Amino acid sequence: MKTFFTRCFCAIILFTTFTSCETNSCSACTDDYRMKIISIKDQNGNPISLDDFKVINTDTNQEIDFNITANEIAEFKANGEYPLMDDLNIEASQTLQLQFQGFKEGVQVITENYIVSADCCGHVDSVDGNQNIVLSI
């Protein structure tokens, strides 16, 4: 009899564990702000400061507005890191096709395509594409 109850108890524990893994964890959403960035360096690993950059939603042909300050842009340029997507520009469980365009001296020197998705809480979650660009200048 003990074996029967032990097996039933183990079965219930396993069933609960597996079914809880299948459910969405959206009940544990946070208010934190997330931003995915890309890094642009030269062959020696030095940061590249672009004159300008754009992130385009290729499905709508609209430029993404990051609403960042001049100080933040200067910091991005100094570090060779640029925003690709943030929580304010993507909805929960959404997937976007994006194109990053980088410019130096009026010439487009970078064109990279990305697929970016958000989790069920609306946080930018995954990026498919080259996030570490090496630029030959």
N, C-alpha and C. Protein backbone atom coordinates (compact mmCIF):
# COMPACT_ATOMS: atom_id res chain seq x y z
N MET A 1 0.81 -1.19 0.00
CA MET A 1 0.00 0.00 0.00
C MET A 1 0.85 1.26 0.00
N LYS A 2 1.98 1.24 0.77
CA LYS A 2 2.85 2.39 0.79
C LYS A 2 3.41 2.69 -0.60
N THR A 3 3.71 1.65 -1.34
CA THR A 3 4.26 1.83 -2.68
C THR A 3 3.26 2.51 -3.58
N PHE A 4 1.99 2.15 -3.48
CA PHE A 4 0.94 2.76 -4.29
C PHE A 4 0.84 4.26 -4.00
N PHE A 5 0.80 4.63 -2.71
CA PHE A 5 0.70 6.04 -2.34
C PHE A 5 1.95 6.82 -2.74
N THR A 6 3.09 6.19 -2.59
CA THR A 6 4.35 6.82 -2.98
C THR A 6 4.36 7.10 -4.48
N ARG A 7 3.92 6.13 -5.26
CA ARG A 7 3.87 6.31 -6.71
C ARG A 7 2.87 7.40 -7.10
N CYS A 8 1.72 7.42 -6.46
CA CYS A 8 0.71 8.46 -6.74
C CYS A 8 1.25 9.84 -6.38
N PHE A 9 1.89 9.94 -5.22
CA PHE A 9 2.46 11.22 -4.80
C PHE A 9 3.51 11.69 -5.80
N CYS A 10 4.40 10.80 -6.22
CA CYS A 10 5.44 11.16 -7.21
C CYS A 10 4.80 11.57 -8.53
N ALA A 11 3.77 10.87 -8.95
CA ALA A 11 3.09 11.21 -10.20
C ALA A 11 2.47 12.60 -10.13
N ILE A 12 1.86 12.92 -9.00
CA ILE A 12 1.24 14.24 -8.82
C ILE A 12 2.32 15.33 -8.85
N ILE A 13 3.43 15.11 -8.18
CA ILE A 13 4.53 16.09 -8.17
C ILE A 13 5.07 16.29 -9.59
N LEU A 14 5.32 15.21 -10.31
CA LEU A 14 5.82 15.33 -11.67
C LEU A 14 4.83 16.03 -12.58
N PHE A 15 3.56 15.69 -12.48
CA PHE A 15 2.53 16.32 -13.30
C PHE A 15 2.47 17.82 -13.02
N THR A 16 2.49 18.19 -11.76
CA THR A 16 2.45 19.61 -11.38
C THR A 16 3.67 20.35 -11.89
N THR A 17 4.81 19.74 -11.79
CA THR A 17 6.06 20.36 -12.25
C THR A 17 6.02 20.59 -13.75
N PHE A 18 5.64 19.59 -14.51
CA PHE A 18 5.62 19.72 -15.97
C PHE A 18 4.55 20.69 -16.45
N THR A 19 3.38 20.67 -15.85
CA THR A 19 2.33 21.58 -16.31
C THR A 19 2.62 23.01 -15.91
N SER A 20 3.30 23.23 -14.80
CA SER A 20 3.63 24.60 -14.42
C SER A 20 4.69 25.17 -15.34
N CYS A 21 5.54 24.33 -15.90
CA CYS A 21 6.55 24.81 -16.84
C CYS A 21 5.93 25.23 -18.17
N GLU A 22 4.78 24.66 -18.49
CA GLU A 22 4.14 24.97 -19.76
C GLU A 22 3.34 26.27 -19.71
N THR A 23 3.01 26.74 -18.54
CA THR A 23 2.20 27.94 -18.44
C THR A 23 3.08 29.17 -18.59
N ASN A 24 2.44 30.27 -18.96
CA ASN A 24 3.13 31.54 -19.12
C ASN A 24 3.52 32.09 -17.76
N SER A 25 4.69 32.73 -17.70
CA SER A 25 5.13 33.31 -16.44
C SER A 25 4.85 34.81 -16.43
N CYS A 26 3.80 35.23 -17.12
CA CYS A 26 3.47 36.65 -17.19
C CYS A 26 2.94 37.21 -15.88
N SER A 27 2.62 36.37 -14.96
CA SER A 27 2.16 36.88 -13.68
C SER A 27 3.31 37.46 -12.87
N ALA A 28 4.53 37.20 -13.30
CA ALA A 28 5.72 37.70 -12.59
C ALA A 28 6.39 38.84 -13.36
N CYS A 29 5.62 39.65 -14.06
CA CYS A 29 6.19 40.77 -14.83
C CYS A 29 6.75 41.83 -13.91
N THR A 30 7.77 42.50 -14.39
CA THR A 30 8.41 43.57 -13.62
C THR A 30 8.30 44.89 -14.37
N ASP A 31 8.59 45.96 -13.69
CA ASP A 31 8.57 47.29 -14.30
C ASP A 31 9.95 47.72 -14.78
N ASP A 32 10.92 46.81 -14.78
CA ASP A 32 12.24 47.22 -15.22
C ASP A 32 12.24 47.55 -16.71
N TYR A 33 13.18 48.40 -17.11
CA TYR A 33 13.29 48.87 -18.49
C TYR A 33 14.48 48.18 -19.13
N ARG A 34 14.27 47.61 -20.30
CA ARG A 34 15.34 46.87 -20.98
C ARG A 34 15.60 47.47 -22.37
N MET A 35 16.85 47.44 -22.75
CA MET A 35 17.26 47.92 -24.07
C MET A 35 18.30 46.95 -24.61
N LYS A 36 18.13 46.54 -25.85
CA LYS A 36 19.13 45.72 -26.53
C LYS A 36 20.01 46.66 -27.35
N ILE A 37 21.31 46.45 -27.27
CA ILE A 37 22.24 47.30 -27.99
C ILE A 37 23.10 46.46 -28.92
N ILE A 38 23.71 47.14 -29.89
CA ILE A 38 24.70 46.50 -30.73
C ILE A 38 26.01 47.22 -30.51
N SER A 39 27.09 46.50 -30.67
CA SER A 39 28.43 47.03 -30.47
C SER A 39 29.12 47.15 -31.83
N ILE A 40 29.75 48.30 -32.06
CA ILE A 40 30.46 48.52 -33.31
C ILE A 40 31.91 48.89 -32.98
N LYS A 41 32.83 48.06 -33.41
CA LYS A 41 34.25 48.24 -33.13
C LYS A 41 35.05 48.14 -34.43
N ASP A 42 36.29 48.63 -34.38
CA ASP A 42 37.19 48.42 -35.52
C ASP A 42 37.91 47.09 -35.33
N GLN A 43 38.83 46.77 -36.24
CA GLN A 43 39.52 45.48 -36.19
C GLN A 43 40.37 45.32 -34.93
N ASN A 44 40.76 46.43 -34.30
CA ASN A 44 41.57 46.38 -33.09
C ASN A 44 40.74 46.41 -31.81
N GLY A 45 39.41 46.40 -31.96
CA GLY A 45 38.54 46.40 -30.80
C GLY A 45 38.22 47.77 -30.25
N ASN A 46 38.60 48.82 -30.98
CA ASN A 46 38.30 50.19 -30.55
C ASN A 46 36.88 50.56 -30.95
N PRO A 47 36.16 51.28 -30.09
CA PRO A 47 34.79 51.66 -30.42
C PRO A 47 34.73 52.60 -31.62
N ILE A 48 33.71 52.40 -32.45
CA ILE A 48 33.47 53.26 -33.61
C ILE A 48 32.37 54.25 -33.25
N SER A 49 32.67 55.53 -33.44
CA SER A 49 31.70 56.59 -33.22
C SER A 49 31.06 56.94 -34.56
N LEU A 50 29.80 56.58 -34.71
CA LEU A 50 29.07 56.90 -35.93
C LEU A 50 28.60 58.35 -35.88
N ASP A 51 28.50 58.99 -37.03
CA ASP A 51 27.94 60.34 -37.09
C ASP A 51 26.43 60.31 -36.88
N ASP A 52 25.80 59.25 -37.35
CA ASP A 52 24.36 59.10 -37.22
C ASP A 52 24.01 57.63 -37.35
N PHE A 53 22.85 57.27 -36.84
CA PHE A 53 22.35 55.90 -36.99
C PHE A 53 20.84 55.94 -37.01
N LYS A 54 20.27 54.90 -37.62
CA LYS A 54 18.82 54.75 -37.66
C LYS A 54 18.49 53.28 -37.44
N VAL A 55 17.35 53.05 -36.80
CA VAL A 55 16.79 51.71 -36.72
C VAL A 55 15.43 51.78 -37.37
N ILE A 56 15.25 50.99 -38.42
CA ILE A 56 14.04 51.02 -39.22
C ILE A 56 13.25 49.72 -39.01
N ASN A 57 11.96 49.86 -38.74
CA ASN A 57 11.05 48.72 -38.74
C ASN A 57 10.77 48.42 -40.20
N THR A 58 11.31 47.32 -40.71
CA THR A 58 11.20 47.04 -42.15
C THR A 58 9.80 46.63 -42.58
N ASP A 59 8.94 46.26 -41.63
CA ASP A 59 7.56 45.94 -41.98
C ASP A 59 6.76 47.21 -42.27
N THR A 60 7.09 48.31 -41.57
CA THR A 60 6.34 49.56 -41.73
C THR A 60 7.15 50.67 -42.39
N ASN A 61 8.46 50.44 -42.55
CA ASN A 61 9.40 51.46 -43.06
C ASN A 61 9.47 52.68 -42.17
N GLN A 62 9.14 52.55 -40.89
CA GLN A 62 9.21 53.66 -39.96
C GLN A 62 10.45 53.55 -39.09
N GLU A 63 11.04 54.72 -38.82
CA GLU A 63 12.21 54.78 -37.96
C GLU A 63 11.77 54.66 -36.50
N ILE A 64 12.52 53.90 -35.73
CA ILE A 64 12.26 53.74 -34.31
C ILE A 64 12.77 54.99 -33.58
N ASP A 65 11.93 55.54 -32.71
CA ASP A 65 12.30 56.71 -31.91
C ASP A 65 12.62 56.25 -30.49
N PHE A 66 13.88 56.39 -30.10
CA PHE A 66 14.30 55.92 -28.78
C PHE A 66 14.13 56.96 -27.69
N ASN A 67 13.84 58.19 -28.07
CA ASN A 67 13.63 59.25 -27.08
C ASN A 67 14.80 59.32 -26.10
N ILE A 68 16.02 59.41 -26.66
CA ILE A 68 17.23 59.48 -25.83
C ILE A 68 17.81 60.88 -25.90
N THR A 69 18.51 61.25 -24.84
CA THR A 69 19.06 62.60 -24.73
C THR A 69 20.38 62.72 -25.50
N ALA A 70 20.82 63.95 -25.69
CA ALA A 70 22.10 64.20 -26.36
C ALA A 70 23.26 63.59 -25.56
N ASN A 71 23.17 63.63 -24.23
CA ASN A 71 24.21 63.03 -23.39
C ASN A 71 24.24 61.51 -23.57
N GLU A 72 23.07 60.90 -23.67
CA GLU A 72 23.03 59.45 -23.88
C GLU A 72 23.60 59.08 -25.25
N ILE A 73 23.29 59.88 -26.27
CA ILE A 73 23.83 59.63 -27.61
C ILE A 73 25.35 59.75 -27.59
N ALA A 74 25.87 60.77 -26.90
CA ALA A 74 27.32 60.95 -26.80
C ALA A 74 27.97 59.75 -26.10
N GLU A 75 27.32 59.23 -25.08
CA GLU A 75 27.83 58.06 -24.37
C GLU A 75 27.82 56.83 -25.27
N PHE A 76 26.72 56.64 -26.02
CA PHE A 76 26.66 55.52 -26.97
C PHE A 76 27.83 55.59 -27.96
N LYS A 77 28.02 56.79 -28.54
CA LYS A 77 29.09 56.96 -29.53
C LYS A 77 30.47 56.69 -28.93
N ALA A 78 30.71 57.20 -27.72
CA ALA A 78 32.01 57.02 -27.08
C ALA A 78 32.31 55.54 -26.83
N ASN A 79 31.27 54.76 -26.57
CA ASN A 79 31.45 53.33 -26.28
C ASN A 79 31.28 52.44 -27.51
N GLY A 80 30.89 53.04 -28.64
CA GLY A 80 30.65 52.24 -29.83
C GLY A 80 29.47 51.30 -29.67
N GLU A 81 28.50 51.71 -28.84
CA GLU A 81 27.31 50.88 -28.60
C GLU A 81 26.08 51.71 -28.92
N TYR A 82 25.14 51.08 -29.64
CA TYR A 82 23.98 51.79 -30.15
C TYR A 82 22.71 51.01 -29.86
N PRO A 83 21.61 51.71 -29.54
CA PRO A 83 20.36 51.01 -29.25
C PRO A 83 19.78 50.36 -30.50
N LEU A 84 19.26 49.16 -30.31
CA LEU A 84 18.58 48.45 -31.39
C LEU A 84 17.08 48.39 -31.11
N MET A 85 16.72 48.13 -29.85
CA MET A 85 15.31 48.06 -29.48
C MET A 85 15.22 48.22 -27.97
N ASP A 86 14.10 48.80 -27.52
CA ASP A 86 13.83 48.93 -26.09
C ASP A 86 12.38 48.57 -25.82
N ASP A 87 12.06 48.50 -24.54
CA ASP A 87 10.71 48.10 -24.13
C ASP A 87 9.62 49.07 -24.57
N LEU A 88 9.99 50.32 -24.80
CA LEU A 88 8.99 51.32 -25.16
C LEU A 88 8.54 51.21 -26.62
N ASN A 89 9.27 50.45 -27.42
CA ASN A 89 8.98 50.37 -28.85
C ASN A 89 8.53 48.99 -29.32
N ILE A 90 8.22 48.13 -28.37
CA ILE A 90 7.77 46.78 -28.73
C ILE A 90 6.66 46.37 -27.76
N GLU A 91 5.70 45.63 -28.26
CA GLU A 91 4.58 45.17 -27.43
C GLU A 91 4.80 43.74 -26.97
N ALA A 92 4.06 43.34 -25.99
CA ALA A 92 4.17 42.00 -25.43
C ALA A 92 4.00 40.94 -26.53
N SER A 93 4.90 39.98 -26.52
CA SER A 93 4.90 38.83 -27.44
C SER A 93 5.01 39.23 -28.91
N GLN A 94 5.47 40.43 -29.19
CA GLN A 94 5.61 40.90 -30.57
C GLN A 94 6.99 40.55 -31.11
N THR A 95 7.05 40.31 -32.41
CA THR A 95 8.31 40.08 -33.13
C THR A 95 8.40 41.12 -34.23
N LEU A 96 9.56 41.79 -34.31
CA LEU A 96 9.77 42.83 -35.31
C LEU A 96 10.97 42.53 -36.19
N GLN A 97 10.87 42.93 -37.43
CA GLN A 97 11.99 42.87 -38.38
C GLN A 97 12.58 44.27 -38.43
N LEU A 98 13.86 44.39 -38.09
CA LEU A 98 14.50 45.69 -38.02
C LEU A 98 15.73 45.75 -38.90
N GLN A 99 16.09 46.98 -39.28
CA GLN A 99 17.35 47.20 -39.98
C GLN A 99 18.09 48.34 -39.29
N PHE A 100 19.33 48.07 -38.89
CA PHE A 100 20.19 49.10 -38.32
C PHE A 100 21.01 49.70 -39.45
N GLN A 101 21.02 51.03 -39.52
CA GLN A 101 21.81 51.74 -40.52
C GLN A 101 22.75 52.68 -39.80
N GLY A 102 24.05 52.59 -40.10
CA GLY A 102 25.05 53.44 -39.49
C GLY A 102 25.72 54.31 -40.53
N PHE A 103 25.99 55.58 -40.17
CA PHE A 103 26.52 56.56 -41.11
C PHE A 103 27.80 57.21 -40.58
N LYS A 104 28.78 57.39 -41.47
CA LYS A 104 30.00 58.15 -41.19
C LYS A 104 30.23 59.08 -42.37
N GLU A 105 30.40 60.37 -42.06
CA GLU A 105 30.66 61.40 -43.07
C GLU A 105 29.62 61.36 -44.20
N GLY A 106 28.37 61.14 -43.82
CA GLY A 106 27.27 61.15 -44.78
C GLY A 106 27.12 59.89 -45.61
N VAL A 107 27.96 58.90 -45.37
CA VAL A 107 27.92 57.65 -46.14
C VAL A 107 27.41 56.53 -45.23
N GLN A 108 26.47 55.75 -45.74
CA GLN A 108 25.98 54.61 -44.97
C GLN A 108 27.03 53.51 -45.00
N VAL A 109 27.60 53.22 -43.83
CA VAL A 109 28.69 52.24 -43.74
C VAL A 109 28.24 50.92 -43.11
N ILE A 110 27.05 50.90 -42.53
CA ILE A 110 26.52 49.68 -41.92
C ILE A 110 25.07 49.51 -42.31
N THR A 111 24.73 48.30 -42.73
CA THR A 111 23.36 47.89 -42.94
C THR A 111 23.24 46.47 -42.40
N GLU A 112 22.57 46.31 -41.28
CA GLU A 112 22.41 44.99 -40.66
C GLU A 112 20.93 44.76 -40.36
N ASN A 113 20.48 43.54 -40.64
CA ASN A 113 19.08 43.18 -40.40
C ASN A 113 18.97 42.31 -39.15
N TYR A 114 17.86 42.51 -38.43
CA TYR A 114 17.64 41.82 -37.16
C TYR A 114 16.18 41.39 -37.04
N ILE A 115 15.98 40.35 -36.25
CA ILE A 115 14.65 39.96 -35.80
C ILE A 115 14.68 40.08 -34.28
N VAL A 116 13.80 40.91 -33.75
CA VAL A 116 13.76 41.18 -32.32
C VAL A 116 12.39 40.80 -31.79
N SER A 117 12.37 40.17 -30.63
CA SER A 117 11.08 39.79 -30.05
C SER A 117 11.00 40.19 -28.59
N ALA A 118 9.77 40.28 -28.12
CA ALA A 118 9.49 40.62 -26.72
C ALA A 118 8.85 39.42 -26.03
N ASP A 119 9.06 39.36 -24.74
CA ASP A 119 8.41 38.30 -23.97
C ASP A 119 6.95 38.69 -23.69
N CYS A 120 6.25 37.87 -22.97
CA CYS A 120 4.83 38.12 -22.72
C CYS A 120 4.60 39.31 -21.80
N CYS A 121 5.64 39.81 -21.18
CA CYS A 121 5.52 40.99 -20.31
C CYS A 121 5.83 42.28 -21.06
N GLY A 122 6.25 42.17 -22.31
CA GLY A 122 6.56 43.36 -23.10
C GLY A 122 8.00 43.81 -22.98
N HIS A 123 8.87 42.96 -22.44
CA HIS A 123 10.29 43.28 -22.37
C HIS A 123 10.99 42.74 -23.61
N VAL A 124 11.80 43.59 -24.24
CA VAL A 124 12.58 43.12 -25.37
C VAL A 124 13.44 41.96 -24.86
N ASP A 125 13.39 40.85 -25.59
CA ASP A 125 13.90 39.60 -25.03
C ASP A 125 15.01 38.99 -25.87
N SER A 126 14.78 38.79 -27.15
CA SER A 126 15.78 38.11 -27.96
C SER A 126 16.06 38.87 -29.24
N VAL A 127 17.29 38.71 -29.69
CA VAL A 127 17.75 39.36 -30.92
C VAL A 127 18.40 38.31 -31.79
N ASP A 128 17.96 38.23 -33.03
CA ASP A 128 18.59 37.36 -34.01
C ASP A 128 19.29 38.27 -35.02
N GLY A 129 20.61 38.22 -35.06
CA GLY A 129 21.40 39.06 -35.92
C GLY A 129 22.72 39.40 -35.25
N ASN A 130 23.62 39.99 -36.00
CA ASN A 130 24.97 40.30 -35.53
C ASN A 130 24.96 41.49 -34.57
N GLN A 131 25.18 41.22 -33.29
CA GLN A 131 25.19 42.29 -32.29
C GLN A 131 26.59 42.83 -32.02
N ASN A 132 27.61 42.22 -32.62
CA ASN A 132 28.99 42.66 -32.46
C ASN A 132 29.61 42.88 -33.85
N ILE A 133 29.44 44.09 -34.35
CA ILE A 133 29.88 44.41 -35.70
C ILE A 133 31.34 44.89 -35.68
N VAL A 134 32.13 44.36 -36.58
CA VAL A 134 33.51 44.84 -36.78
C VAL A 134 33.52 45.59 -38.10
N LEU A 135 33.87 46.87 -38.01
CA LEU A 135 33.84 47.74 -39.17
C LEU A 135 35.26 48.07 -39.61
N SER A 136 35.53 47.87 -40.89
CA SER A 136 36.84 48.23 -41.47
C SER A 136 36.77 49.65 -42.00
N ILE A 137 37.51 50.54 -41.37
CA ILE A 137 37.50 51.93 -41.84
C ILE A 137 38.90 52.33 -42.24
